[in-house]
Amino acid sequence: MRDDDIRSSCFASLDVLCAKHGPELPYKGALDQGFAFRGRRIPFLNYQKGIYRAAAQKGPAALSLVTSFKSPYDDQETPEGFVYAYRAGDIDQPDNRALRAAFQLQVPIIYFVGTPPGWYRPEWPVFLTGDDPIARAVTLTPGRMVGPYDEREPVLPDNPIERRYAVRETRARLHQTRFRARVLPAYANQCAICRLKETRLLDAAHIVGDLEETGLPVVSNGLNLLLEDEDGPMLDLLKKAHATAIQIPRSKALRPDRGLRAERFAAFRSAA
């Protein structure tokens, strides 16, 4: 029993929520409402524990997994996906059985990654492609939705190159999401240049790119800036802020690192 009907309803509801709120969803006012299925409201997740199987499910496999912003577990990354730890305790406890059943049945699940407290970025469909009882962990590999919009189906790519590409794409999204969650509050949720306070239009920019050895996802390597807008009102805001001092975090430890700024400027000059 795979509960494909429940999973399809869950995925469709997440499509609607992300269209309304963006790729990061608040728990209150969005995820806490659950989704409709045959006259019932079913929760998307259980934020108090990572592995969730809905009571309405007939099959044994988990519906979703959660990693909080300050998770007690270490979800490591590999070229094949994300390593997700069993719940502490007996390997045969209900949560771990639900997790391992998702691997055995190869059902698609949702991977909720905590960003700021109370917010989650859902990644779906995700498949469990490995189960290591000795290490007490499974491997999560992103899949994709295919087909017409109203009849989309979750699939796991057969091509290992395509799988690794999906992992790299997902990793980049999650890294940027968590980096943004650290940088925005440090800058009082406003643009460092024009002071605009509209979080949907803001993003965290690396001073030294994350592909460089020193490009760590820490606040001192970031600036809170408007998203790119080549010809529009946001560009006008930036023009008006020309020659004004940028806003920096109050905490000295969070301010742009002098050495990183020098490294970026040197790279800029050498490319000019």
Protein backbone atom coordinates (compact mmCIF):
# COMPACT_ATOMS: atom_id res chain seq x y z
CA MET A 1 0.00 0.00 0.00
CA ARG A 2 1.64 3.23 -1.23
CA ASP A 3 -1.01 5.91 -0.47
CA ASP A 4 -0.41 7.48 -3.88
CA ASP A 5 -3.75 9.33 -3.70
CA ILE A 6 -2.83 11.04 -0.42
CA ARG A 7 0.61 11.92 -1.74
CA SER A 8 -0.85 13.43 -4.92
CA SER A 9 -3.26 15.59 -2.90
CA CYS A 10 -0.39 16.71 -0.66
CA PHE A 11 1.82 17.66 -3.62
CA ALA A 12 -1.00 19.59 -5.32
CA SER A 13 -1.71 21.52 -2.12
CA LEU A 14 1.96 22.42 -1.78
CA ASP A 15 1.87 23.76 -5.36
CA VAL A 16 -0.94 26.12 -4.32
CA LEU A 17 0.78 27.24 -1.12
CA CYS A 18 4.09 27.94 -2.87
CA ALA A 19 2.27 29.93 -5.58
CA LYS A 20 0.77 32.08 -2.80
CA HIS A 21 3.70 32.41 -0.38
CA GLY A 22 6.80 31.64 -2.44
CA PRO A 23 9.24 28.75 -2.02
CA GLU A 24 9.47 29.20 1.77
CA LEU A 25 6.27 28.51 3.70
CA PRO A 26 5.29 29.74 7.17
CA TYR A 27 3.98 27.11 9.52
CA LYS A 28 1.34 29.41 10.98
CA GLY A 29 -1.21 30.42 8.41
CA ALA A 30 -0.07 27.96 5.76
CA LEU A 31 1.34 24.56 6.69
CA ASP A 32 -0.65 24.37 9.91
CA GLN A 33 -3.87 24.31 7.84
CA GLY A 34 -2.99 20.92 6.37
CA PHE A 35 -4.46 19.72 3.09
CA ALA A 36 -7.87 18.40 2.11
CA PHE A 37 -8.35 14.74 1.30
CA ARG A 38 -11.77 13.12 0.97
CA GLY A 39 -13.42 15.47 3.42
CA ARG A 40 -10.61 15.38 5.98
CA ARG A 41 -7.80 17.77 6.85
CA ILE A 42 -4.44 16.02 6.90
CA PRO A 43 -1.28 17.63 8.34
CA PHE A 44 1.68 18.13 6.03
CA LEU A 45 4.23 17.41 8.74
CA ASN A 46 4.92 17.07 12.43
CA TYR A 47 7.40 19.83 13.31
CA GLN A 48 8.06 18.30 16.73
CA LYS A 49 9.62 15.20 15.23
CA GLY A 50 11.26 14.70 11.89
CA ILE A 51 9.56 11.58 10.50
CA TYR A 52 5.84 11.88 9.81
CA ARG A 53 3.22 9.37 8.70
CA ALA A 54 -0.38 10.61 8.63
CA ALA A 55 -3.05 8.76 10.59
CA ALA A 56 -5.21 8.68 7.43
CA GLN A 57 -2.62 6.64 5.56
CA LYS A 58 -3.28 2.96 5.03
CA GLY A 59 0.27 2.15 3.99
CA PRO A 60 3.33 1.99 6.28
CA ALA A 61 5.59 4.59 4.59
CA ALA A 62 6.29 8.11 5.83
CA LEU A 63 4.66 11.07 4.07
CA SER A 64 7.23 13.72 4.97
CA LEU A 65 10.52 14.38 6.74
CA VAL A 66 11.56 17.54 8.58
CA THR A 67 14.94 19.05 9.34
CA SER A 68 14.61 22.02 11.66
CA PHE A 69 16.69 25.19 11.50
CA LYS A 70 18.57 23.90 14.55
CA SER A 71 18.33 20.18 14.02
CA PRO A 72 19.88 17.82 16.60
CA TYR A 73 20.80 15.56 13.70
CA ASP A 74 23.44 16.16 11.05
CA ASP A 75 21.92 15.85 7.58
CA GLN A 76 25.11 15.38 5.61
CA GLU A 77 25.34 15.73 1.85
CA THR A 78 26.81 13.38 -0.73
CA PRO A 79 26.81 13.41 -4.55
CA GLU A 80 23.87 10.97 -4.37
CA GLY A 81 21.74 13.11 -2.06
CA PHE A 82 21.18 14.02 1.57
CA VAL A 83 21.89 11.66 4.44
CA TYR A 84 18.98 11.65 6.90
CA ALA A 85 19.43 9.99 10.27
CA TYR A 86 17.05 7.54 11.89
CA ARG A 87 15.26 8.78 14.95
CA ALA A 88 17.20 8.06 18.16
CA GLY A 89 16.22 4.91 20.00
CA ASP A 90 15.10 1.50 18.84
CA ILE A 91 15.65 0.91 15.12
CA ASP A 92 12.20 -0.73 14.95
CA GLN A 93 10.24 2.06 16.60
CA PRO A 94 7.24 3.32 14.53
CA ASP A 95 8.97 6.41 13.11
CA ASN A 96 11.97 4.44 11.91
CA ARG A 97 9.73 1.75 10.44
CA ALA A 98 7.86 4.44 8.49
CA LEU A 99 11.15 5.89 7.26
CA ARG A 100 12.51 2.54 6.10
CA ALA A 101 9.18 1.59 4.50
CA ALA A 102 9.48 4.68 2.28
CA PHE A 103 12.72 3.18 0.98
CA GLN A 104 11.33 -0.31 0.57
CA LEU A 105 8.23 0.88 -1.32
CA GLN A 106 10.08 3.63 -3.23
CA VAL A 107 7.32 6.16 -2.61
CA PRO A 108 7.85 9.92 -3.10
CA ILE A 109 7.94 12.03 0.04
CA ILE A 110 8.31 15.72 1.00
CA TYR A 111 11.51 16.96 2.60
CA PHE A 112 10.78 20.06 4.73
CA VAL A 113 13.93 22.03 5.49
CA GLY A 114 13.70 24.58 8.29
CA THR A 115 14.84 28.07 7.33
CA PRO A 116 14.10 30.77 9.91
CA PRO A 117 12.24 29.42 12.94
CA GLY A 118 8.65 28.75 11.96
CA TRP A 119 9.38 28.62 8.21
CA TYR A 120 10.09 25.66 5.96
CA ARG A 121 11.22 25.11 2.40
CA PRO A 122 9.54 21.97 1.00
CA GLU A 123 11.39 19.88 -1.57
CA TRP A 124 9.29 17.33 -3.42
CA PRO A 125 9.24 14.73 -4.75
CA VAL A 126 12.13 13.16 -2.88
CA PHE A 127 12.92 9.45 -2.95
CA LEU A 128 14.87 7.31 -0.49
CA THR A 129 17.59 5.67 -2.55
CA GLY A 130 19.61 4.10 0.25
CA ASP A 131 19.08 2.60 3.69
CA ASP A 132 21.99 1.79 5.99
CA PRO A 133 20.81 0.19 9.26
CA ILE A 134 24.38 0.04 10.57
CA ALA A 135 24.91 3.79 10.12
CA ARG A 136 21.23 4.34 11.07
CA ALA A 137 20.61 6.61 8.09
CA VAL A 138 18.90 6.81 4.71
CA THR A 139 19.84 8.71 1.56
CA LEU A 140 17.36 11.22 0.10
CA THR A 141 17.55 11.91 -3.65
CA PRO A 142 15.44 14.62 -5.33
CA GLY A 143 13.12 13.54 -8.11
CA ARG A 144 10.95 15.65 -10.40
CA MET A 145 7.33 16.08 -11.40
CA VAL A 146 6.52 15.26 -15.04
CA GLY A 147 3.46 15.48 -17.25
CA PRO A 148 0.65 18.02 -17.70
CA TYR A 149 0.17 20.41 -14.80
CA ASP A 150 -3.09 18.82 -13.62
CA GLU A 151 -1.77 15.27 -14.05
CA ARG A 152 1.83 15.51 -12.92
CA GLU A 153 3.56 12.39 -11.67
CA PRO A 154 6.60 12.11 -9.37
CA VAL A 155 9.55 10.28 -10.91
CA LEU A 156 13.10 9.46 -9.93
CA PRO A 157 15.50 9.90 -12.88
CA ASP A 158 17.12 6.66 -14.01
CA ASN A 159 20.21 8.42 -15.35
CA PRO A 160 22.82 8.80 -12.55
CA ILE A 161 24.13 12.00 -14.15
CA GLU A 162 20.65 13.52 -14.08
CA ARG A 163 20.25 12.43 -10.46
CA ARG A 164 23.49 14.12 -9.43
CA TYR A 165 22.48 17.27 -11.27
CA ALA A 166 19.18 17.31 -9.34
CA VAL A 167 21.13 16.91 -6.09
CA ARG A 168 23.41 19.84 -6.96
CA GLU A 169 20.43 22.04 -7.85
CA THR A 170 18.63 21.18 -4.62
CA ARG A 171 21.76 21.68 -2.53
CA ALA A 172 22.29 25.14 -4.03
CA ARG A 173 18.67 26.13 -3.27
CA LEU A 174 18.85 24.92 0.31
CA HIS A 175 22.23 26.51 0.99
CA GLN A 176 21.01 29.87 -0.33
CA THR A 177 17.77 29.58 1.63
CA ARG A 178 19.57 29.01 4.93
CA PHE A 179 22.18 31.67 4.15
CA ARG A 180 19.36 34.14 3.48
CA ALA A 181 17.68 33.16 6.76
CA ARG A 182 20.84 34.22 8.63
CA VAL A 183 21.59 37.41 6.69
CA LEU A 184 18.14 39.05 6.50
CA PRO A 185 17.54 39.45 10.25
CA ALA A 186 21.12 40.69 10.75
CA TYR A 187 20.23 43.59 8.42
CA ALA A 188 16.85 44.19 10.10
CA ASN A 189 15.10 42.65 7.06
CA GLN A 190 15.87 45.59 4.81
CA CYS A 191 18.14 46.30 1.85
CA ALA A 192 21.62 47.38 2.93
CA ILE A 193 21.62 50.08 0.23
CA CYS A 194 18.13 51.52 -0.24
CA ARG A 195 16.61 50.41 3.12
CA LEU A 196 13.55 48.86 1.46
CA LYS A 197 11.72 46.60 3.94
CA GLU A 198 10.05 44.04 1.71
CA THR A 199 11.45 40.60 2.44
CA ARG A 200 9.98 39.01 -0.70
CA LEU A 201 12.17 41.33 -2.79
CA LEU A 202 15.36 40.79 -0.80
CA ASP A 203 18.08 38.17 -1.01
CA ALA A 204 21.41 37.48 0.64
CA ALA A 205 24.39 38.14 -1.62
CA HIS A 206 27.80 36.57 -1.00
CA ILE A 207 30.76 38.93 -0.79
CA VAL A 208 33.06 36.09 -1.81
CA GLY A 209 31.19 33.52 -3.90
CA ASP A 210 30.28 30.19 -2.36
CA LEU A 211 32.39 28.34 -4.93
CA GLU A 212 35.52 29.90 -3.44
CA GLU A 213 37.31 28.38 -0.45
CA THR A 214 36.66 31.47 1.69
CA GLY A 215 33.06 31.87 0.49
CA LEU A 216 31.43 30.46 3.61
CA PRO A 217 27.66 30.87 4.24
CA VAL A 218 28.16 33.16 7.26
CA VAL A 219 26.64 36.59 7.85
CA SER A 220 30.03 38.35 7.72
CA ASN A 221 30.33 37.13 4.12
CA GLY A 222 26.94 38.51 3.11
CA LEU A 223 24.96 41.61 2.23
CA ASN A 224 21.21 41.98 2.20
CA LEU A 225 20.28 43.37 -1.24
CA LEU A 226 17.34 43.81 -3.59
CA LEU A 227 16.80 41.07 -6.10
CA GLU A 228 17.99 41.94 -9.60
CA ASP A 229 15.76 44.32 -11.52
CA GLU A 230 17.33 45.65 -14.68
CA ASP A 231 14.62 48.14 -15.54
CA GLY A 232 12.01 48.90 -12.93
CA PRO A 233 11.12 50.59 -9.63
CA MET A 234 13.73 48.66 -7.65
CA LEU A 235 16.47 49.99 -9.93
CA ASP A 236 15.15 53.51 -9.29
CA LEU A 237 15.43 52.91 -5.55
CA LEU A 238 19.07 51.90 -5.91
CA LYS A 239 19.85 54.93 -8.06
CA LYS A 240 18.40 57.25 -5.42
CA ALA A 241 20.65 55.60 -2.82
CA HIS A 242 23.81 56.39 -4.80
CA ALA A 243 26.69 57.66 -2.62
CA THR A 244 24.84 56.92 0.62
CA ALA A 245 26.43 54.76 3.31
CA ILE A 246 25.26 51.18 3.39
CA GLN A 247 23.49 49.82 6.42
CA ILE A 248 25.49 47.28 8.40
CA PRO A 249 24.51 44.97 11.28
CA ARG A 250 24.74 46.36 14.81
CA SER A 251 26.83 43.44 15.96
CA LYS A 252 30.47 43.89 14.94
CA ALA A 253 30.85 40.12 14.56
CA LEU A 254 28.17 40.12 11.85
CA ARG A 255 29.45 43.05 9.81
CA PRO A 256 31.05 42.47 6.38
CA ASP A 257 34.49 41.01 6.94
CA ARG A 258 37.30 43.39 5.93
CA GLY A 259 39.46 40.61 4.53
CA LEU A 260 36.63 39.19 2.44
CA ARG A 261 35.81 42.64 1.09
CA ALA A 262 39.45 43.12 0.10
CA GLU A 263 39.49 39.72 -1.61
CA ARG A 264 36.34 40.53 -3.61
CA PHE A 265 37.64 43.98 -4.57
CA ALA A 266 40.94 42.47 -5.75
CA ALA A 267 39.02 40.01 -7.91
CA PHE A 268 36.95 42.87 -9.31
CA ARG A 269 40.04 44.92 -10.19
CA SER A 270 41.79 41.99 -11.85
CA ALA A 271 38.73 41.33 -14.01
CA ALA A 272 38.33 44.98 -15.02
